[in-house]
PDB file of N, CA and C in Angstrom:
ATOM      1  N   MET A   1      57.086  56.579  74.759  1.00  0.00           N
ATOM      2  CA  MET A   1      57.199  56.300  73.337  1.00  0.00           C
ATOM      3  C   MET A   1      57.876  57.487  72.655  1.00  0.00           C
ATOM      4  N   ASN A   2      58.758  57.164  71.769  1.00  0.00           N
ATOM      5  CA  ASN A   2      59.391  58.255  71.049  1.00  0.00           C
ATOM      6  C   ASN A   2      58.581  58.606  69.802  1.00  0.00           C
ATOM      7  N   LYS A   3      58.947  59.697  69.172  1.00  0.00           N
ATOM      8  CA  LYS A   3      58.194  60.245  68.039  1.00  0.00           C
ATOM      9  C   LYS A   3      58.181  59.282  66.845  1.00  0.00           C
ATOM     10  N   LYS A   4      59.288  58.610  66.586  1.00  0.00           N
ATOM     11  CA  LYS A   4      59.371  57.683  65.446  1.00  0.00           C
ATOM     12  C   LYS A   4      58.404  56.512  65.607  1.00  0.00           C
ATOM     13  N   LYS A   5      58.278  56.005  66.828  1.00  0.00           N
ATOM     14  CA  LYS A   5      57.371  54.887  67.080  1.00  0.00           C
ATOM     15  C   LYS A   5      55.916  55.308  66.873  1.00  0.00           C
ATOM     16  N   ILE A   6      55.560  56.493  67.321  1.00  0.00           N
ATOM     17  CA  ILE A   6      54.185  57.002  67.146  1.00  0.00           C
ATOM     18  C   ILE A   6      53.862  57.178  65.668  1.00  0.00           C
ATOM     19  N   ILE A   7      54.805  57.716  64.907  1.00  0.00           N
ATOM     20  CA  ILE A   7      54.591  57.898  63.462  1.00  0.00           C
ATOM     21  C   ILE A   7      54.449  56.546  62.779  1.00  0.00           C
ATOM     22  N   LYS A   8      55.264  55.573  63.157  1.00  0.00           N
ATOM     23  CA  LYS A   8      55.201  54.234  62.564  1.00  0.00           C
ATOM     24  C   LYS A   8      53.859  53.565  62.856  1.00  0.00           C
ATOM     25  N   ILE A   9      53.402  53.635  64.094  1.00  0.00           N
ATOM     26  CA  ILE A   9      52.115  53.032  64.474  1.00  0.00           C
ATOM     27  C   ILE A   9      50.962  53.738  63.765  1.00  0.00           C
ATOM     28  N   SER A  10      51.024  55.059  63.683  1.00  0.00           N
ATOM     29  CA  SER A  10      49.974  55.819  62.985  1.00  0.00           C
ATOM     30  C   SER A  10      49.923  55.440  61.514  1.00  0.00           C
ATOM     31  N   SER A  11      51.079  55.293  60.885  1.00  0.00           N
ATOM     32  CA  SER A  11      51.133  54.910  59.468  1.00  0.00           C
ATOM     33  C   SER A  11      50.531  53.529  59.247  1.00  0.00           C
ATOM     34  N   ILE A  12      50.835  52.605  60.138  1.00  0.00           N
ATOM     35  CA  ILE A  12      50.296  51.244  60.018  1.00  0.00           C
ATOM     36  C   ILE A  12      48.779  51.266  60.182  1.00  0.00           C
ATOM     37  N   VAL A  13      48.275  52.024  61.150  1.00  0.00           N
ATOM     38  CA  VAL A  13      46.825  52.115  61.364  1.00  0.00           C
ATOM     39  C   VAL A  13      46.142  52.715  60.145  1.00  0.00           C
ATOM     40  N   ILE A  14      46.719  53.787  59.576  1.00  0.00           N
ATOM     41  CA  ILE A  14      46.135  54.414  58.383  1.00  0.00           C
ATOM     42  C   ILE A  14      46.159  53.445  57.211  1.00  0.00           C
ATOM     43  N   ALA A  15      47.259  52.722  57.029  1.00  0.00           N
ATOM     44  CA  ALA A  15      47.353  51.742  55.942  1.00  0.00           C
ATOM     45  C   ALA A  15      46.316  50.639  56.102  1.00  0.00           C
ATOM     46  N   LEU A  16      46.113  50.170  57.319  1.00  0.00           N
ATOM     47  CA  LEU A  16      45.108  49.127  57.555  1.00  0.00           C
ATOM     48  C   LEU A  16      43.694  49.647  57.291  1.00  0.00           C
ATOM     49  N   LEU A  17      43.418  50.888  57.675  1.00  0.00           N
ATOM     50  CA  LEU A  17      42.099  51.473  57.391  1.00  0.00           C
ATOM     51  C   LEU A  17      41.861  51.608  55.893  1.00  0.00           C
ATOM     52  N   LEU A  18      42.879  52.038  55.162  1.00  0.00           N
ATOM     53  CA  LEU A  18      42.745  52.137  53.704  1.00  0.00           C
ATOM     54  C   LEU A  18      42.522  50.767  53.067  1.00  0.00           C
ATOM     55  N   LEU A  19      43.259  49.778  53.535  1.00  0.00           N
ATOM     56  CA  LEU A  19      43.084  48.422  53.015  1.00  0.00           C
ATOM     57  C   LEU A  19      41.689  47.898  53.311  1.00  0.00           C
ATOM     58  N   TRP A  20      41.194  48.123  54.525  1.00  0.00           N
ATOM     59  CA  TRP A  20      39.832  47.711  54.879  1.00  0.00           C
ATOM     60  C   TRP A  20      38.811  48.407  53.976  1.00  0.00           C
ATOM     61  N   GLY A  21      39.005  49.696  53.704  1.00  0.00           N
ATOM     62  CA  GLY A  21      38.092  50.432  52.835  1.00  0.00           C
ATOM     63  C   GLY A  21      38.071  49.880  51.420  1.00  0.00           C
ATOM     64  N   LEU A  22      39.237  49.537  50.893  1.00  0.00           N
ATOM     65  CA  LEU A  22      39.298  48.952  49.551  1.00  0.00           C
ATOM     66  C   LEU A  22      38.592  47.602  49.495  1.00  0.00           C
ATOM     67  N   ILE A  23      38.827  46.760  50.471  1.00  0.00           N
ATOM     68  CA  ILE A  23      38.175  45.445  50.503  1.00  0.00           C
ATOM     69  C   ILE A  23      36.662  45.598  50.649  1.00  0.00           C
ATOM     70  N   TRP A  24      36.232  46.503  51.499  1.00  0.00           N
ATOM     71  CA  TRP A  24      34.793  46.727  51.699  1.00  0.00           C
ATOM     72  C   TRP A  24      34.133  47.250  50.428  1.00  0.00           C
ATOM     73  N   SER A  25      34.778  48.227  49.745  1.00  0.00           N
ATOM     74  CA  SER A  25      34.186  48.768  48.515  1.00  0.00           C
ATOM     75  C   SER A  25      34.150  47.709  47.413  1.00  0.00           C
ATOM     76  N   TRP A  26      35.173  46.851  47.338  1.00  0.00           N
ATOM     77  CA  TRP A  26      35.161  45.776  46.350  1.00  0.00           C
ATOM     78  C   TRP A  26      33.992  44.828  46.619  1.00  0.00           C
ATOM     79  N   SER A  27      33.774  44.523  47.883  1.00  0.00           N
ATOM     80  CA  SER A  27      32.680  43.621  48.248  1.00  0.00           C
ATOM     81  C   SER A  27      31.325  44.223  47.882  1.00  0.00           C
ATOM     82  N   ILE A  28      31.138  45.494  48.167  1.00  0.00           N
ATOM     83  CA  ILE A  28      29.863  46.154  47.855  1.00  0.00           C
ATOM     84  C   ILE A  28      29.631  46.205  46.350  1.00  0.00           C
ATOM     85  N   THR A  29      30.644  46.579  45.557  1.00  0.00           N
ATOM     86  CA  THR A  29      30.459  46.662  44.111  1.00  0.00           C
ATOM     87  C   THR A  29      30.219  45.286  43.502  1.00  0.00           C
ATOM     88  N   ARG A  30      30.801  44.250  44.082  1.00  0.00           N
ATOM     89  CA  ARG A  30      30.553  42.885  43.587  1.00  0.00           C
ATOM     90  C   ARG A  30      29.089  42.510  43.781  1.00  0.00           C
ATOM     91  N   ILE A  31      28.530  42.871  44.920  1.00  0.00           N
ATOM     92  CA  ILE A  31      27.121  42.580  45.199  1.00  0.00           C
ATOM     93  C   ILE A  31      26.220  43.367  44.251  1.00  0.00           C
ATOM     94  N   VAL A  32      26.544  44.627  44.016  1.00  0.00           N
ATOM     95  CA  VAL A  32      25.739  45.466  43.124  1.00  0.00           C
ATOM     96  C   VAL A  32      25.783  44.921  41.705  1.00  0.00           C
ATOM     97  N   LYS A  33      26.966  44.524  41.230  1.00  0.00           N
ATOM     98  CA  LYS A  33      27.077  43.964  39.882  1.00  0.00           C
ATOM     99  C   LYS A  33      26.264  42.681  39.756  1.00  0.00           C
ATOM    100  N   LYS A  34      26.275  41.858  40.797  1.00  0.00           N
ATOM    101  CA  LYS A  34      25.512  40.615  40.766  1.00  0.00           C
ATOM    102  C   LYS A  34      24.018  40.912  40.688  1.00  0.00           C
ATOM    103  N   ASN A  35      23.546  41.916  41.434  1.00  0.00           N
ATOM    104  CA  ASN A  35      22.134  42.276  41.415  1.00  0.00           C
ATOM    105  C   ASN A  35      21.724  42.870  40.080  1.00  0.00           C
ATOM    106  N   ASN A  36      22.610  43.597  39.415  1.00  0.00           N
ATOM    107  CA  ASN A  36      22.287  44.189  38.119  1.00  0.00           C
ATOM    108  C   ASN A  36      22.194  43.141  37.025  1.00  0.00           C
ATOM    109  N   ALA A  37      22.803  42.007  37.223  1.00  0.00           N
ATOM    110  CA  ALA A  37      22.755  40.939  36.231  1.00  0.00           C
ATOM    111  C   ALA A  37      21.456  40.148  36.319  1.00  0.00           C
ATOM    112  N   ASN A  38      20.558  40.550  37.185  1.00  0.00           N
ATOM    113  CA  ASN A  38      19.284  39.867  37.376  1.00  0.00           C
ATOM    114  C   ASN A  38      18.511  39.848  36.059  1.00  0.00           C
ATOM    115  N   SER A  39      17.882  38.747  35.727  1.00  0.00           N
ATOM    116  CA  SER A  39      17.177  38.617  34.450  1.00  0.00           C
ATOM    117  C   SER A  39      15.970  39.547  34.354  1.00  0.00           C
ATOM    118  N   ASP A  40      15.393  39.964  35.481  1.00  0.00           N
ATOM    119  CA  ASP A  40      14.268  40.895  35.425  1.00  0.00           C
ATOM    120  C   ASP A  40      14.687  42.224  34.833  1.00  0.00           C
ATOM    121  N   LEU A  41      15.919  42.624  35.054  1.00  0.00           N
ATOM    122  CA  LEU A  41      16.393  43.904  34.547  1.00  0.00           C
ATOM    123  C   LEU A  41      16.764  43.840  33.072  1.00  0.00           C
ATOM    124  N   LYS A  42      16.941  42.637  32.548  1.00  0.00           N
ATOM    125  CA  LYS A  42      17.319  42.506  31.150  1.00  0.00           C
ATOM    126  C   LYS A  42      16.145  42.764  30.216  1.00  0.00           C
ATOM    127  N   ASN A  43      14.930  42.581  30.672  1.00  0.00           N
ATOM    128  CA  ASN A  43      13.750  42.831  29.855  1.00  0.00           C
ATOM    129  C   ASN A  43      13.114  44.138  30.321  1.00  0.00           C
ATOM    130  N   GLN A  44      13.505  45.228  29.673  1.00  0.00           N
ATOM    131  CA  GLN A  44      12.995  46.530  30.043  1.00  0.00           C
ATOM    132  C   GLN A  44      12.127  47.084  28.928  1.00  0.00           C
ATOM    133  N   ARG A  45      11.153  47.874  29.345  1.00  0.00           N
ATOM    134  CA  ARG A  45      10.250  48.509  28.387  1.00  0.00           C
ATOM    135  C   ARG A  45      10.199  49.990  28.691  1.00  0.00           C
ATOM    136  N   ALA A  46      10.034  50.795  27.650  1.00  0.00           N
ATOM    137  CA  ALA A  46       9.944  52.239  27.831  1.00  0.00           C
ATOM    138  C   ALA A  46       8.945  52.797  26.828  1.00  0.00           C
ATOM    139  N   ILE A  47       8.198  53.804  27.248  1.00  0.00           N
ATOM    140  CA  ILE A  47       7.286  54.519  26.358  1.00  0.00           C
ATOM    141  C   ILE A  47       8.076  55.661  25.724  1.00  0.00           C
ATOM    142  N   VAL A  48       7.999  55.772  24.396  1.00  0.00           N
ATOM    143  CA  VAL A  48       8.725  56.794  23.659  1.00  0.00           C
ATOM    144  C   VAL A  48       7.699  57.732  23.045  1.00  0.00           C
ATOM    145  N   LYS A  49       7.916  59.053  23.197  1.00  0.00           N
ATOM    146  CA  LYS A  49       6.996  60.041  22.627  1.00  0.00           C
ATOM    147  C   LYS A  49       7.770  61.004  21.758  1.00  0.00           C
ATOM    148  N   ASN A  50       7.122  61.432  20.664  1.00  0.00           N
ATOM    149  CA  ASN A  50       7.671  62.431  19.736  1.00  0.00           C
ATOM    150  C   ASN A  50       9.094  62.076  19.311  1.00  0.00           C
ATOM    151  N   ILE A  51       9.208  61.008  18.544  1.00  0.00           N
ATOM    152  CA  ILE A  51      10.519  60.516  18.128  1.00  0.00           C
ATOM    153  C   ILE A  51      10.730  60.773  16.642  1.00  0.00           C
ATOM    154  N   ILE A  52      11.951  61.105  16.286  1.00  0.00           N
ATOM    155  CA  ILE A  52      12.357  61.264  14.890  1.00  0.00           C
ATOM    156  C   ILE A  52      13.581  60.372  14.694  1.00  0.00           C
ATOM    157  N   VAL A  53      13.496  59.465  13.721  1.00  0.00           N
ATOM    158  CA  VAL A  53      14.618  58.579  13.410  1.00  0.00           C
ATOM    159  C   VAL A  53      15.072  58.903  11.999  1.00  0.00           C
ATOM    160  N   THR A  54      16.375  59.159  11.860  1.00  0.00           N
ATOM    161  CA  THR A  54      16.938  59.555  10.574  1.00  0.00           C
ATOM    162  C   THR A  54      18.142  58.688  10.264  1.00  0.00           C
ATOM    163  N   GLU A  55      18.249  58.255   9.007  1.00  0.00           N
ATOM    164  CA  GLU A  55      19.461  57.567   8.563  1.00  0.00           C
ATOM    165  C   GLU A  55      20.136  58.441   7.532  1.00  0.00           C
ATOM    166  N   THR A  56      21.429  58.632   7.710  1.00  0.00           N
ATOM    167  CA  THR A  56      22.193  59.419   6.742  1.00  0.00           C
ATOM    168  C   THR A  56      23.292  58.552   6.155  1.00  0.00           C
ATOM    169  N   ARG A  57      23.585  58.826   4.911  1.00  0.00           N
ATOM    170  CA  ARG A  57      24.684  58.141   4.230  1.00  0.00           C
ATOM    171  C   ARG A  57      25.543  59.205   3.566  1.00  0.00           C
ATOM    172  N   GLU A  58      26.809  59.161   3.854  1.00  0.00           N
ATOM    173  CA  GLU A  58      27.780  60.121   3.317  1.00  0.00           C
ATOM    174  C   GLU A  58      27.333  61.560   3.566  1.00  0.00           C
ATOM    175  N   GLY A  59      26.760  61.807   4.731  1.00  0.00           N
ATOM    176  CA  GLY A  59      26.372  63.159   5.125  1.00  0.00           C
ATOM    177  C   GLY A  59      25.039  63.633   4.563  1.00  0.00           C
ATOM    178  N   LYS A  60      24.347  62.813   3.776  1.00  0.00           N
ATOM    179  CA  LYS A  60      23.048  63.199   3.205  1.00  0.00           C
ATOM    180  C   LYS A  60      21.958  62.344   3.821  1.00  0.00           C
ATOM    181  N   LYS A  61      20.795  62.966   4.026  1.00  0.00           N
ATOM    182  CA  LYS A  61      19.666  62.252   4.617  1.00  0.00           C
ATOM    183  C   LYS A  61      19.167  61.194   3.634  1.00  0.00           C
ATOM    184  N   TYR A  62      19.133  59.934   4.096  1.00  0.00           N
ATOM    185  CA  TYR A  62      18.679  58.827   3.260  1.00  0.00           C
ATOM    186  C   TYR A  62      17.200  58.563   3.493  1.00  0.00           C
ATOM    187  N   TRP A  63      16.777  58.487   4.738  1.00  0.00           N
ATOM    188  CA  TRP A  63      15.362  58.372   5.087  1.00  0.00           C
ATOM    189  C   TRP A  63      15.147  58.904   6.490  1.00  0.00           C
ATOM    190  N   GLU A  64      13.861  59.202   6.789  1.00  0.00           N
ATOM    191  CA  GLU A  64      13.508  59.735   8.095  1.00  0.00           C
ATOM    192  C   GLU A  64      12.051  59.382   8.373  1.00  0.00           C
ATOM    193  N   PHE A  65      11.736  59.056   9.629  1.00  0.00           N
ATOM    194  CA  PHE A  65      10.335  58.870   9.983  1.00  0.00           C
ATOM    195  C   PHE A  65      10.058  59.500  11.336  1.00  0.00           C
ATOM    196  N   TYR A  66       8.802  59.885  11.513  1.00  0.00           N
ATOM    197  CA  TYR A  66       8.338  60.549  12.733  1.00  0.00           C
ATOM    198  C   TYR A  66       7.295  59.667  13.402  1.00  0.00           C
ATOM    199  N   ALA A  67       7.212  59.742  14.713  1.00  0.00           N
ATOM    200  CA  ALA A  67       6.162  59.035  15.441  1.00  0.00           C
ATOM    201  C   ALA A  67       5.773  59.864  16.655  1.00  0.00           C
ATOM    202  N   LYS A  68       4.476  59.910  16.938  1.00  0.00           N
ATOM    203  CA  LYS A  68       4.011  60.625  18.135  1.00  0.00           C
ATOM    204  C   LYS A  68       4.274  59.812  19.386  1.00  0.00           C
ATOM    205  N   SER A  69       4.188  58.490  19.277  1.00  0.00           N
ATOM    206  CA  SER A  69       4.474  57.645  20.436  1.00  0.00           C
ATOM    207  C   SER A  69       4.901  56.263  19.958  1.00  0.00           C
ATOM    208  N   GLY A  70       5.514  55.541  20.857  1.00  0.00           N
ATOM    209  CA  GLY A  70       5.952  54.185  20.562  1.00  0.00           C
ATOM    210  C   GLY A  70       6.355  53.503  21.850  1.00  0.00           C
ATOM    211  N   GLU A  71       6.770  52.265  21.744  1.00  0.00           N
ATOM    212  CA  GLU A  71       7.179  51.505  22.919  1.00  0.00           C
ATOM    213  C   GLU A  71       8.456  50.759  22.593  1.00  0.00           C
ATOM    214  N   TYR A  72       9.457  50.906  23.455  1.00  0.00           N
ATOM    215  CA  TYR A  72      10.731  50.214  23.290  1.00  0.00           C
ATOM    216  C   TYR A  72      10.734  48.957  24.144  1.00  0.00           C
ATOM    217  N   ASN A  73      11.147  47.844  23.564  1.00  0.00           N
ATOM    218  CA  ASN A  73      11.238  46.574  24.268  1.00  0.00           C
ATOM    219  C   ASN A  73      12.661  46.057  24.121  1.00  0.00           C
ATOM    220  N   SER A  74      13.390  45.954  25.225  1.00  0.00           N
ATOM    221  CA  SER A  74      14.786  45.521  25.159  1.00  0.00           C
ATOM    222  C   SER A  74      14.922  44.044  24.808  1.00  0.00           C
ATOM    223  N   ASN A  75      13.859  43.283  24.998  1.00  0.00           N
ATOM    224  CA  ASN A  75      13.887  41.868  24.634  1.00  0.00           C
ATOM    225  C   ASN A  75      14.055  41.705  23.130  1.00  0.00           C
ATOM    226  N   HIS A  76      13.352  42.531  22.372  1.00  0.00           N
ATOM    227  CA  HIS A  76      13.411  42.478  20.906  1.00  0.00           C
ATOM    228  C   HIS A  76      14.344  43.539  20.348  1.00  0.00           C
ATOM    229  N   ASN A  77      14.821  44.447  21.202  1.00  0.00           N
ATOM    230  CA  ASN A  77      15.683  45.566  20.802  1.00  0.00           C
ATOM    231  C   ASN A  77      15.038  46.356  19.669  1.00  0.00           C
ATOM    232  N   SER A  78      13.768  46.683  19.873  1.00  0.00           N
ATOM    233  CA  SER A  78      13.046  47.403  18.827  1.00  0.00           C
ATOM    234  C   SER A  78      12.047  48.374  19.446  1.00  0.00           C
ATOM    235  N   ILE A  79      11.630  49.340  18.625  1.00  0.00           N
ATOM    236  CA  ILE A  79      10.600  50.293  19.017  1.00  0.00           C
ATOM    237  C   ILE A  79       9.372  49.960  18.190  1.00  0.00           C
ATOM    238  N   LEU A  80       8.258  49.761  18.871  1.00  0.00           N
ATOM    239  CA  LEU A  80       7.009  49.441  18.180  1.00  0.00           C
ATOM    240  C   LEU A  80       6.100  50.638  18.179  1.00  0.00           C
TER     241      LEU A  80
END
């Protein structure tokens, strides 16, 4: 085999490996995205401690409230 043939075959093998890697990574990310869309993950809850919520208008504080603890529910998109 001459040098040009070896380089050509090596290039084809590398290109095929890269193509296989792209297809494999696309397949894995598709599965992960499908699993993340699970309805169990859409309803999340979190405990919130020592929170300060402030609203400002035109750079001035309009209102503010403090809480030692609370609970966030993504179903209602609110902190109780």
